[in-house]
């Protein structure tokens, strides 16, 4: 198994495609993520003592671990949810060419 890399993927969700695409573009333009994929999903969760099912868009943000904190701050500043999902997943291995591109697009 390859050594752990200095890269991660960050996930967040938004209520609409237009909002999700706008945030994705802003993240890439700010060089906080090299690539952001937007996928339509249905989320089921409890919020304020109520079980909900909502259509949302999932953003999968590929970035460097060193950018997690600034990316989290950026998402919080631009996100309409009271408590946005912001989850970091480690990238433990990947194509060397892709990871090199990821680093170059995020200033690494």
PDB file of N, CA and C in Angstrom:
ATOM      1  N   UNK A   1       0.845  -1.191   0.000  1.00  0.00           N
ATOM      2  CA  UNK A   1       0.000   0.000   0.000  1.00  0.00           C
ATOM      3  C   UNK A   1       0.878   1.238   0.000  1.00  0.00           C
ATOM      4  N   UNK A   2       0.490   2.231  -0.760  1.00  0.00           N
ATOM      5  CA  UNK A   2       1.276   3.462  -0.879  1.00  0.00           C
ATOM      6  C   UNK A   2       1.220   4.270   0.415  1.00  0.00           C
ATOM      7  N   UNK A   3       2.242   5.091   0.625  1.00  0.00           N
ATOM      8  CA  UNK A   3       2.257   5.980   1.779  1.00  0.00           C
ATOM      9  C   UNK A   3       1.116   6.976   1.669  1.00  0.00           C
ATOM     10  N   UNK A   4       0.662   7.440   2.839  1.00  0.00           N
ATOM     11  CA  UNK A   4      -0.387   8.448   2.860  1.00  0.00           C
ATOM     12  C   UNK A   4       0.115   9.718   2.183  1.00  0.00           C
ATOM     13  N   UNK A   5      -0.741  10.344   1.420  1.00  0.00           N
ATOM     14  CA  UNK A   5      -0.380  11.563   0.706  1.00  0.00           C
ATOM     15  C   UNK A   5      -0.823  12.790   1.498  1.00  0.00           C
ATOM     16  N   UNK A   6      -0.322  13.968   1.127  1.00  0.00           N
ATOM     17  CA  UNK A   6      -0.739  15.199   1.812  1.00  0.00           C
ATOM     18  C   UNK A   6      -2.035  15.781   1.245  1.00  0.00           C
ATOM     19  N   UNK A   7      -2.888  14.930   0.675  1.00  0.00           N
ATOM     20  CA  UNK A   7      -4.099  15.375   0.011  1.00  0.00           C
ATOM     21  C   UNK A   7      -5.329  14.852   0.730  1.00  0.00           C
ATOM     22  N   UNK A   8      -6.455  15.513   0.491  1.00  0.00           N
ATOM     23  CA  UNK A   8      -7.712  15.078   1.085  1.00  0.00           C
ATOM     24  C   UNK A   8      -8.864  15.461   0.175  1.00  0.00           C
ATOM     25  N   UNK A   9     -10.029  14.934   0.516  1.00  0.00           N
ATOM     26  CA  UNK A   9     -11.259  15.325  -0.142  1.00  0.00           C
ATOM     27  C   UNK A   9     -12.167  15.882   0.951  1.00  0.00           C
ATOM     28  N   UNK A  10     -12.817  16.988   0.665  1.00  0.00           N
ATOM     29  CA  UNK A  10     -13.738  17.614   1.605  1.00  0.00           C
ATOM     30  C   UNK A  10     -15.129  17.567   0.988  1.00  0.00           C
ATOM     31  N   UNK A  11     -16.108  17.199   1.813  1.00  0.00           N
ATOM     32  CA  UNK A  11     -17.487  17.107   1.345  1.00  0.00           C
ATOM     33  C   UNK A  11     -18.332  18.169   2.022  1.00  0.00           C
ATOM     34  N   UNK A  12     -19.256  18.729   1.257  1.00  0.00           N
ATOM     35  CA  UNK A  12     -20.289  19.596   1.798  1.00  0.00           C
ATOM     36  C   UNK A  12     -21.528  19.430   0.936  1.00  0.00           C
ATOM     37  N   UNK A  13     -22.671  19.866   1.430  1.00  0.00           N
ATOM     38  CA  UNK A  13     -23.911  19.772   0.674  1.00  0.00           C
ATOM     39  C   UNK A  13     -24.600  21.130   0.647  1.00  0.00           C
ATOM     40  N   UNK A  14     -25.376  21.345  -0.406  1.00  0.00           N
ATOM     41  CA  UNK A  14     -26.172  22.568  -0.562  1.00  0.00           C
ATOM     42  C   UNK A  14     -27.541  22.197  -1.093  1.00  0.00           C
ATOM     43  N   UNK A  15     -28.498  23.091  -0.895  1.00  0.00           N
ATOM     44  CA  UNK A  15     -29.895  22.806  -1.229  1.00  0.00           C
ATOM     45  C   UNK A  15     -30.229  22.907  -2.715  1.00  0.00           C
ATOM     46  N   UNK A  16     -29.422  23.518  -3.523  1.00  0.00           N
ATOM     47  CA  UNK A  16     -29.774  23.658  -4.928  1.00  0.00           C
ATOM     48  C   UNK A  16     -28.565  23.614  -5.840  1.00  0.00           C
ATOM     49  N   UNK A  17     -28.820  23.232  -7.084  1.00  0.00           N
ATOM     50  CA  UNK A  17     -27.744  23.093  -8.059  1.00  0.00           C
ATOM     51  C   UNK A  17     -27.053  24.421  -8.346  1.00  0.00           C
ATOM     52  N   UNK A  18     -27.804  25.496  -8.467  1.00  0.00           N
ATOM     53  CA  UNK A  18     -27.205  26.799  -8.760  1.00  0.00           C
ATOM     54  C   UNK A  18     -26.278  27.231  -7.626  1.00  0.00           C
ATOM     55  N   UNK A  19     -26.720  27.064  -6.378  1.00  0.00           N
ATOM     56  CA  UNK A  19     -25.873  27.404  -5.231  1.00  0.00           C
ATOM     57  C   UNK A  19     -24.626  26.526  -5.193  1.00  0.00           C
ATOM     58  N   UNK A  20     -24.813  25.228  -5.446  1.00  0.00           N
ATOM     59  CA  UNK A  20     -23.696  24.285  -5.422  1.00  0.00           C
ATOM     60  C   UNK A  20     -22.669  24.616  -6.502  1.00  0.00           C
ATOM     61  N   UNK A  21     -23.141  24.903  -7.706  1.00  0.00           N
ATOM     62  CA  UNK A  21     -22.226  25.229  -8.792  1.00  0.00           C
ATOM     63  C   UNK A  21     -21.499  26.544  -8.520  1.00  0.00           C
ATOM     64  N   UNK A  22     -22.189  27.514  -7.957  1.00  0.00           N
ATOM     65  CA  UNK A  22     -21.545  28.794  -7.634  1.00  0.00           C
ATOM     66  C   UNK A  22     -20.457  28.594  -6.591  1.00  0.00           C
ATOM     67  N   UNK A  23     -20.745  27.834  -5.535  1.00  0.00           N
ATOM     68  CA  UNK A  23     -19.739  27.593  -4.507  1.00  0.00           C
ATOM     69  C   UNK A  23     -18.571  26.789  -5.077  1.00  0.00           C
ATOM     70  N   UNK A  24     -18.850  25.820  -5.916  1.00  0.00           N
ATOM     71  CA  UNK A  24     -17.787  25.018  -6.540  1.00  0.00           C
ATOM     72  C   UNK A  24     -16.844  25.912  -7.346  1.00  0.00           C
ATOM     73  N   UNK A  25     -17.407  26.794  -8.147  1.00  0.00           N
ATOM     74  CA  UNK A  25     -16.576  27.710  -8.945  1.00  0.00           C
ATOM     75  C   UNK A  25     -15.741  28.629  -8.058  1.00  0.00           C
ATOM     76  N   UNK A  26     -16.356  29.150  -6.985  1.00  0.00           N
ATOM     77  CA  UNK A  26     -15.632  30.044  -6.075  1.00  0.00           C
ATOM     78  C   UNK A  26     -14.468  29.325  -5.391  1.00  0.00           C
ATOM     79  N   UNK A  27     -14.675  28.081  -5.019  1.00  0.00           N
ATOM     80  CA  UNK A  27     -13.607  27.299  -4.376  1.00  0.00           C
ATOM     81  C   UNK A  27     -12.447  27.091  -5.332  1.00  0.00           C
ATOM     82  N   UNK A  28     -12.751  26.732  -6.575  1.00  0.00           N
ATOM     83  CA  UNK A  28     -11.687  26.520  -7.573  1.00  0.00           C
ATOM     84  C   UNK A  28     -10.995  27.845  -7.893  1.00  0.00           C
ATOM     85  N   UNK A  29     -11.752  28.915  -8.057  1.00  0.00           N
ATOM     86  CA  UNK A  29     -11.153  30.220  -8.352  1.00  0.00           C
ATOM     87  C   UNK A  29     -10.259  30.703  -7.217  1.00  0.00           C
ATOM     88  N   UNK A  30     -10.623  30.373  -5.978  1.00  0.00           N
ATOM     89  CA  UNK A  30      -9.807  30.762  -4.823  1.00  0.00           C
ATOM     90  C   UNK A  30      -8.616  29.823  -4.634  1.00  0.00           C
ATOM     91  N   UNK A  31      -8.521  28.794  -5.480  1.00  0.00           N
ATOM     92  CA  UNK A  31      -7.446  27.790  -5.439  1.00  0.00           C
ATOM     93  C   UNK A  31      -7.427  27.019  -4.126  1.00  0.00           C
ATOM     94  N   UNK A  32      -8.604  26.879  -3.518  1.00  0.00           N
ATOM     95  CA  UNK A  32      -8.738  26.077  -2.309  1.00  0.00           C
ATOM     96  C   UNK A  32      -9.058  24.622  -2.639  1.00  0.00           C
ATOM     97  N   UNK A  33      -9.433  24.380  -3.877  1.00  0.00           N
ATOM     98  CA  UNK A  33      -9.681  23.031  -4.376  1.00  0.00           C
ATOM     99  C   UNK A  33      -9.281  22.970  -5.829  1.00  0.00           C
ATOM    100  N   UNK A  34      -8.675  21.858  -6.243  1.00  0.00           N
ATOM    101  CA  UNK A  34      -8.266  21.702  -7.642  1.00  0.00           C
ATOM    102  C   UNK A  34      -9.455  21.292  -8.507  1.00  0.00           C
ATOM    103  N   UNK A  35     -10.365  20.535  -7.914  1.00  0.00           N
ATOM    104  CA  UNK A  35     -11.523  20.020  -8.635  1.00  0.00           C
ATOM    105  C   UNK A  35     -12.661  19.884  -7.644  1.00  0.00           C
ATOM    106  N   UNK A  36     -13.846  20.299  -8.063  1.00  0.00           N
ATOM    107  CA  UNK A  36     -15.038  20.121  -7.235  1.00  0.00           C
ATOM    108  C   UNK A  36     -16.088  19.442  -8.111  1.00  0.00           C
ATOM    109  N   UNK A  37     -16.524  18.286  -7.684  1.00  0.00           N
ATOM    110  CA  UNK A  37     -17.583  17.575  -8.389  1.00  0.00           C
ATOM    111  C   UNK A  37     -18.895  17.841  -7.665  1.00  0.00           C
ATOM    112  N   UNK A  38     -19.964  18.039  -8.439  1.00  0.00           N
ATOM    113  CA  UNK A  38     -21.288  18.313  -7.882  1.00  0.00           C
ATOM    114  C   UNK A  38     -22.217  17.185  -8.317  1.00  0.00           C
ATOM    115  N   UNK A  39     -22.855  16.547  -7.332  1.00  0.00           N
ATOM    116  CA  UNK A  39     -23.745  15.424  -7.605  1.00  0.00           C
ATOM    117  C   UNK A  39     -25.081  15.645  -6.893  1.00  0.00           C
ATOM    118  N   UNK A  40     -26.172  15.359  -7.578  1.00  0.00           N
ATOM    119  CA  UNK A  40     -27.477  15.413  -6.943  1.00  0.00           C
ATOM    120  C   UNK A  40     -27.668  14.201  -6.041  1.00  0.00           C
ATOM    121  N   UNK A  41     -28.187  14.422  -4.843  1.00  0.00           N
ATOM    122  CA  UNK A  41     -28.404  13.348  -3.872  1.00  0.00           C
ATOM    123  C   UNK A  41     -29.710  13.607  -3.114  1.00  0.00           C
ATOM    124  N   UNK A  42     -30.156  12.640  -2.348  1.00  0.00           N
ATOM    125  CA  UNK A  42     -31.248  12.841  -1.397  1.00  0.00           C
ATOM    126  C   UNK A  42     -30.701  12.505  -0.027  1.00  0.00           C
ATOM    127  N   UNK A  43     -30.797  13.449   0.890  1.00  0.00           N
ATOM    128  CA  UNK A  43     -30.273  13.291   2.247  1.00  0.00           C
ATOM    129  C   UNK A  43     -31.421  13.099   3.221  1.00  0.00           C
ATOM    130  N   UNK A  44     -31.250  12.164   4.144  1.00  0.00           N
ATOM    131  CA  UNK A  44     -32.181  11.942   5.232  1.00  0.00           C
ATOM    132  C   UNK A  44     -31.434  12.215   6.523  1.00  0.00           C
ATOM    133  N   UNK A  45     -32.010  13.044   7.389  1.00  0.00           N
ATOM    134  CA  UNK A  45     -31.312  13.447   8.608  1.00  0.00           C
ATOM    135  C   UNK A  45     -32.317  13.985   9.622  1.00  0.00           C
ATOM    136  N   UNK A  46     -31.846  14.140  10.864  1.00  0.00           N
ATOM    137  CA  UNK A  46     -32.660  14.772  11.898  1.00  0.00           C
ATOM    138  C   UNK A  46     -32.139  16.172  12.122  1.00  0.00           C
ATOM    139  N   UNK A  47     -33.058  17.121  12.186  1.00  0.00           N
ATOM    140  CA  UNK A  47     -32.704  18.518  12.445  1.00  0.00           C
ATOM    141  C   UNK A  47     -33.791  19.132  13.299  1.00  0.00           C
ATOM    142  N   UNK A  48     -33.399  19.652  14.452  1.00  0.00           N
ATOM    143  CA  UNK A  48     -34.327  20.294  15.390  1.00  0.00           C
ATOM    144  C   UNK A  48     -35.522  19.394  15.698  1.00  0.00           C
ATOM    145  N   UNK A  49     -35.198  18.153  16.088  1.00  0.00           N
ATOM    146  CA  UNK A  49     -36.186  17.143  16.513  1.00  0.00           C
ATOM    147  C   UNK A  49     -37.145  16.714  15.407  1.00  0.00           C
ATOM    148  N   UNK A  50     -36.739  16.872  14.170  1.00  0.00           N
ATOM    149  CA  UNK A  50     -37.589  16.486  13.049  1.00  0.00           C
ATOM    150  C   UNK A  50     -36.758  15.684  12.056  1.00  0.00           C
ATOM    151  N   UNK A  51     -37.314  14.560  11.602  1.00  0.00           N
ATOM    152  CA  UNK A  51     -36.650  13.776  10.564  1.00  0.00           C
ATOM    153  C   UNK A  51     -37.021  14.366   9.213  1.00  0.00           C
ATOM    154  N   UNK A  52     -36.008  14.598   8.401  1.00  0.00           N
ATOM    155  CA  UNK A  52     -36.232  15.238   7.101  1.00  0.00           C
ATOM    156  C   UNK A  52     -35.627  14.408   5.973  1.00  0.00           C
ATOM    157  N   UNK A  53     -36.151  14.601   4.800  1.00  0.00           N
ATOM    158  CA  UNK A  53     -35.604  14.050   3.564  1.00  0.00           C
ATOM    159  C   UNK A  53     -35.587  15.175   2.549  1.00  0.00           C
ATOM    160  N   UNK A  54     -34.400  15.549   2.082  1.00  0.00           N
ATOM    161  CA  UNK A  54     -34.267  16.711   1.192  1.00  0.00           C
ATOM    162  C   UNK A  54     -33.389  16.363  -0.007  1.00  0.00           C
ATOM    163  N   UNK A  55     -33.739  16.923  -1.150  1.00  0.00           N
ATOM    164  CA  UNK A  55     -32.842  16.845  -2.298  1.00  0.00           C
ATOM    165  C   UNK A  55     -31.748  17.890  -2.092  1.00  0.00           C
ATOM    166  N   UNK A  56     -30.514  17.474  -2.261  1.00  0.00           N
ATOM    167  CA  UNK A  56     -29.372  18.366  -2.104  1.00  0.00           C
ATOM    168  C   UNK A  56     -28.369  18.076  -3.205  1.00  0.00           C
ATOM    169  N   UNK A  57     -27.335  18.895  -3.241  1.00  0.00           N
ATOM    170  CA  UNK A  57     -26.187  18.646  -4.104  1.00  0.00           C
ATOM    171  C   UNK A  57     -24.985  18.423  -3.210  1.00  0.00           C
ATOM    172  N   UNK A  58     -24.255  17.353  -3.491  1.00  0.00           N
ATOM    173  CA  UNK A  58     -23.042  17.004  -2.762  1.00  0.00           C
ATOM    174  C   UNK A  58     -21.849  17.550  -3.529  1.00  0.00           C
ATOM    175  N   UNK A  59     -21.004  18.298  -2.834  1.00  0.00           N
ATOM    176  CA  UNK A  59     -19.756  18.793  -3.414  1.00  0.00           C
ATOM    177  C   UNK A  59     -18.622  17.935  -2.900  1.00  0.00           C
ATOM    178  N   UNK A  60     -17.835  17.371  -3.816  1.00  0.00           N
ATOM    179  CA  UNK A  60     -16.635  16.602  -3.491  1.00  0.00           C
ATOM    180  C   UNK A  60     -15.452  17.451  -3.924  1.00  0.00           C
ATOM    181  N   UNK A  61     -14.713  17.955  -2.948  1.00  0.00           N
ATOM    182  CA  UNK A  61     -13.650  18.929  -3.191  1.00  0.00           C
ATOM    183  C   UNK A  61     -12.299  18.247  -2.986  1.00  0.00           C
ATOM    184  N   UNK A  62     -11.499  18.165  -4.040  1.00  0.00           N
ATOM    185  CA  UNK A  62     -10.159  17.590  -3.932  1.00  0.00           C
ATOM    186  C   UNK A  62      -9.159  18.704  -3.670  1.00  0.00           C
ATOM    187  N   UNK A  63      -8.384  18.551  -2.583  1.00  0.00           N
ATOM    188  CA  UNK A  63      -7.488  19.610  -2.149  1.00  0.00           C
ATOM    189  C   UNK A  63      -6.300  19.042  -1.387  1.00  0.00           C
ATOM    190  N   UNK A  64      -5.494  19.928  -0.841  1.00  0.00           N
ATOM    191  CA  UNK A  64      -4.373  19.530   0.024  1.00  0.00           C
ATOM    192  C   UNK A  64      -4.802  19.651   1.479  1.00  0.00           C
ATOM    193  N   UNK A  65      -4.301  18.754   2.317  1.00  0.00           N
ATOM    194  CA  UNK A  65      -4.635  18.792   3.746  1.00  0.00           C
ATOM    195  C   UNK A  65      -4.268  20.140   4.361  1.00  0.00           C
ATOM    196  N   UNK A  66      -3.204  20.756   3.889  1.00  0.00           N
ATOM    197  CA  UNK A  66      -2.768  22.051   4.422  1.00  0.00           C
ATOM    198  C   UNK A  66      -3.806  23.143   4.185  1.00  0.00           C
ATOM    199  N   UNK A  67      -4.709  22.943   3.228  1.00  0.00           N
ATOM    200  CA  UNK A  67      -5.736  23.939   2.921  1.00  0.00           C
ATOM    201  C   UNK A  67      -7.067  23.656   3.607  1.00  0.00           C
ATOM    202  N   UNK A  68      -7.135  22.600   4.417  1.00  0.00           N
ATOM    203  CA  UNK A  68      -8.417  22.260   5.020  1.00  0.00           C
ATOM    204  C   UNK A  68      -8.996  23.419   5.829  1.00  0.00           C
ATOM    205  N   UNK A  69      -8.229  23.989   6.735  1.00  0.00           N
ATOM    206  CA  UNK A  69      -8.762  25.051   7.605  1.00  0.00           C
ATOM    207  C   UNK A  69      -9.222  26.264   6.799  1.00  0.00           C
ATOM    208  N   UNK A  70      -8.407  26.788   5.851  1.00  0.00           N
ATOM    209  CA  UNK A  70      -8.915  27.913   5.039  1.00  0.00           C
ATOM    210  C   UNK A  70     -10.139  27.535   4.201  1.00  0.00           C
ATOM    211  N   UNK A  71     -10.184  26.291   3.722  1.00  0.00           N
ATOM    212  CA  UNK A  71     -11.344  25.843   2.948  1.00  0.00           C
ATOM    213  C   UNK A  71     -12.573  25.764   3.850  1.00  0.00           C
ATOM    214  N   UNK A  72     -12.429  25.237   5.045  1.00  0.00           N
ATOM    215  CA  UNK A  72     -13.555  25.185   5.979  1.00  0.00           C
ATOM    216  C   UNK A  72     -14.063  26.596   6.268  1.00  0.00           C
ATOM    217  N   UNK A  73     -13.153  27.522   6.531  1.00  0.00           N
ATOM    218  CA  UNK A  73     -13.549  28.911   6.790  1.00  0.00           C
ATOM    219  C   UNK A  73     -14.275  29.514   5.588  1.00  0.00           C
ATOM    220  N   UNK A  74     -13.785  29.235   4.384  1.00  0.00           N
ATOM    221  CA  UNK A  74     -14.387  29.737   3.147  1.00  0.00           C
ATOM    222  C   UNK A  74     -15.805  29.185   2.995  1.00  0.00           C
ATOM    223  N   UNK A  75     -15.962  27.864   3.208  1.00  0.00           N
ATOM    224  CA  UNK A  75     -17.284  27.256   3.085  1.00  0.00           C
ATOM    225  C   UNK A  75     -18.238  27.890   4.096  1.00  0.00           C
ATOM    226  N   UNK A  76     -17.812  28.023   5.342  1.00  0.00           N
ATOM    227  CA  UNK A  76     -18.674  28.627   6.376  1.00  0.00           C
ATOM    228  C   UNK A  76     -19.098  30.048   5.987  1.00  0.00           C
ATOM    229  N   UNK A  77     -18.184  30.821   5.422  1.00  0.00           N
ATOM    230  CA  UNK A  77     -18.468  32.209   5.055  1.00  0.00           C
ATOM    231  C   UNK A  77     -19.424  32.316   3.869  1.00  0.00           C
ATOM    232  N   UNK A  78     -19.477  31.286   3.014  1.00  0.00           N
ATOM    233  CA  UNK A  78     -20.279  31.342   1.793  1.00  0.00           C
ATOM    234  C   UNK A  78     -21.466  30.377   1.794  1.00  0.00           C
ATOM    235  N   UNK A  79     -21.696  29.689   2.884  1.00  0.00           N
ATOM    236  CA  UNK A  79     -22.709  28.635   2.942  1.00  0.00           C
ATOM    237  C   UNK A  79     -23.982  29.143   3.620  1.00  0.00           C
ATOM    238  N   UNK A  80     -25.148  28.862   3.046  1.00  0.00           N
ATOM    239  CA  UNK A  80     -26.391  29.361   3.638  1.00  0.00           C
ATOM    240  C   UNK A  80     -26.904  28.549   4.841  1.00  0.00           C
ATOM    241  N   UNK A  81     -26.410  27.330   5.048  1.00  0.00           N
ATOM    242  CA  UNK A  81     -26.920  26.499   6.135  1.00  0.00           C
ATOM    243  C   UNK A  81     -26.426  27.000   7.491  1.00  0.00           C
ATOM    244  N   UNK A  82     -27.259  26.848   8.501  1.00  0.00           N
ATOM    245  CA  UNK A  82     -26.879  27.194   9.870  1.00  0.00           C
ATOM    246  C   UNK A  82     -25.711  26.315  10.346  1.00  0.00           C
ATOM    247  N   UNK A  83     -25.770  25.030  10.023  1.00  0.00           N
ATOM    248  CA  UNK A  83     -24.716  24.087  10.383  1.00  0.00           C
ATOM    249  C   UNK A  83     -24.370  23.265   9.142  1.00  0.00           C
ATOM    250  N   UNK A  84     -23.497  23.774   8.278  1.00  0.00           N
ATOM    251  CA  UNK A  84     -23.185  23.036   7.049  1.00  0.00           C
ATOM    252  C   UNK A  84     -22.365  21.787   7.336  1.00  0.00           C
ATOM    253  N   UNK A  85     -22.617  20.773   6.526  1.00  0.00           N
ATOM    254  CA  UNK A  85     -21.759  19.587   6.553  1.00  0.00           C
ATOM    255  C   UNK A  85     -20.413  19.992   5.967  1.00  0.00           C
ATOM    256  N   UNK A  86     -19.355  19.771   6.716  1.00  0.00           N
ATOM    257  CA  UNK A  86     -17.996  19.965   6.215  1.00  0.00           C
ATOM    258  C   UNK A  86     -17.190  18.801   6.774  1.00  0.00           C
ATOM    259  N   UNK A  87     -16.880  17.827   5.918  1.00  0.00           N
ATOM    260  CA  UNK A  87     -16.217  16.603   6.339  1.00  0.00           C
ATOM    261  C   UNK A  87     -14.975  16.399   5.491  1.00  0.00           C
ATOM    262  N   UNK A  88     -13.874  16.108   6.161  1.00  0.00           N
ATOM    263  CA  UNK A  88     -12.614  15.840   5.460  1.00  0.00           C
ATOM    264  C   UNK A  88     -12.359  14.335   5.443  1.00  0.00           C
ATOM    265  N   UNK A  89     -12.013  13.812   4.276  1.00  0.00           N
ATOM    266  CA  UNK A  89     -11.619  12.416   4.114  1.00  0.00           C
ATOM    267  C   UNK A  89     -10.197  12.388   3.575  1.00  0.00           C
ATOM    268  N   UNK A  90      -9.329  11.572   4.166  1.00  0.00           N
ATOM    269  CA  UNK A  90      -7.955  11.519   3.664  1.00  0.00           C
ATOM    270  C   UNK A  90      -7.882  10.813   2.312  1.00  0.00           C
ATOM    271  N   UNK A  91      -6.995  11.268   1.490  1.00  0.00           N
ATOM    272  CA  UNK A  91      -6.641  10.540   0.269  1.00  0.00           C
ATOM    273  C   UNK A  91      -5.353   9.812   0.613  1.00  0.00           C
ATOM    274  N   UNK A  92      -5.423   8.504   0.705  1.00  0.00           N
ATOM    275  CA  UNK A  92      -4.258   7.742   1.143  1.00  0.00           C
ATOM    276  C   UNK A  92      -3.352   7.322  -0.007  1.00  0.00           C
ATOM    277  N   UNK A  93      -3.866   7.380  -1.221  1.00  0.00           N
ATOM    278  CA  UNK A  93      -3.069   7.056  -2.398  1.00  0.00           C
ATOM    279  C   UNK A  93      -3.805   7.596  -3.617  1.00  0.00           C
ATOM    280  N   UNK A  94      -3.076   7.742  -4.718  1.00  0.00           N
ATOM    281  CA  UNK A  94      -3.691   8.201  -5.951  1.00  0.00           C
ATOM    282  C   UNK A  94      -2.675   8.238  -7.068  1.00  0.00           C
ATOM    283  N   UNK A  95      -3.151   8.465  -8.258  1.00  0.00           N
ATOM    284  CA  UNK A  95      -2.275   8.576  -9.417  1.00  0.00           C
ATOM    285  C   UNK A  95      -1.293   9.724  -9.194  1.00  0.00           C
ATOM    286  N   UNK A  96      -0.018   9.452  -9.376  1.00  0.00           N
ATOM    287  CA  UNK A  96       1.012  10.471  -9.162  1.00  0.00           C
ATOM    288  C   UNK A  96       0.766  11.699 -10.040  1.00  0.00           C
ATOM    289  N   UNK A  97       0.375  11.488 -11.293  1.00  0.00           N
ATOM    290  CA  UNK A  97       0.119  12.609 -12.199  1.00  0.00           C
ATOM    291  C   UNK A  97      -1.056  13.458 -11.716  1.00  0.00           C
ATOM    292  N   UNK A  98      -2.119  12.785 -11.273  1.00  0.00           N
ATOM    293  CA  UNK A  98      -3.290  13.522 -10.783  1.00  0.00           C
ATOM    294  C   UNK A  98      -2.947  14.301  -9.517  1.00  0.00           C
ATOM    295  N   UNK A  99      -2.237  13.674  -8.592  1.00  0.00           N
ATOM    296  CA  UNK A  99      -1.890  14.342  -7.340  1.00  0.00           C
ATOM    297  C   UNK A  99      -0.932  15.507  -7.577  1.00  0.00           C
ATOM    298  N   UNK A 100      -0.054  15.369  -8.556  1.00  0.00           N
ATOM    299  CA  UNK A 100       0.838  16.481  -8.903  1.00  0.00           C
ATOM    300  C   UNK A 100       0.014  17.643  -9.466  1.00  0.00           C
ATOM    301  N   UNK A 101      -0.958  17.346 -10.310  1.00  0.00           N
ATOM    302  CA  UNK A 101      -1.848  18.380 -10.846  1.00  0.00           C
ATOM    303  C   UNK A 101      -2.642  19.027  -9.720  1.00  0.00           C
ATOM    304  N   UNK A 102      -3.185  18.219  -8.808  1.00  0.00           N
ATOM    305  CA  UNK A 102      -3.935  18.731  -7.663  1.00  0.00           C
ATOM    306  C   UNK A 102      -3.077  19.724  -6.881  1.00  0.00           C
ATOM    307  N   UNK A 103      -1.844  19.348  -6.619  1.00  0.00           N
ATOM    308  CA  UNK A 103      -0.933  20.237  -5.870  1.00  0.00           C
ATOM    309  C   UNK A 103      -0.689  21.523  -6.634  1.00  0.00           C
ATOM    310  N   UNK A 104      -0.444  21.437  -7.932  1.00  0.00           N
ATOM    311  CA  UNK A 104      -0.128  22.642  -8.704  1.00  0.00           C
ATOM    312  C   UNK A 104      -1.330  23.579  -8.781  1.00  0.00           C
ATOM    313  N   UNK A 105      -2.545  23.039  -8.830  1.00  0.00           N
ATOM    314  CA  UNK A 105      -3.740  23.876  -8.936  1.00  0.00           C
ATOM    315  C   UNK A 105      -4.164  24.501  -7.605  1.00  0.00           C
ATOM    316  N   UNK A 106      -3.570  24.017  -6.523  1.00  0.00           N
ATOM    317  CA  UNK A 106      -3.897  24.578  -5.209  1.00  0.00           C
ATOM    318  C   UNK A 106      -2.685  25.273  -4.587  1.00  0.00           C
ATOM    319  N   UNK A 107      -1.745  25.636  -5.429  1.00  0.00           N
ATOM    320  CA  UNK A 107      -0.594  26.410  -4.959  1.00  0.00           C
ATOM    321  C   UNK A 107       0.444  25.629  -4.194  1.00  0.00           C
ATOM    322  N   UNK A 108       0.399  24.309  -4.302  1.00  0.00           N
ATOM    323  CA  UNK A 108       1.352  23.482  -3.542  1.00  0.00           C
ATOM    324  C   UNK A 108       2.572  23.088  -4.323  1.00  0.00           C
TER     325      UNK A 108
END
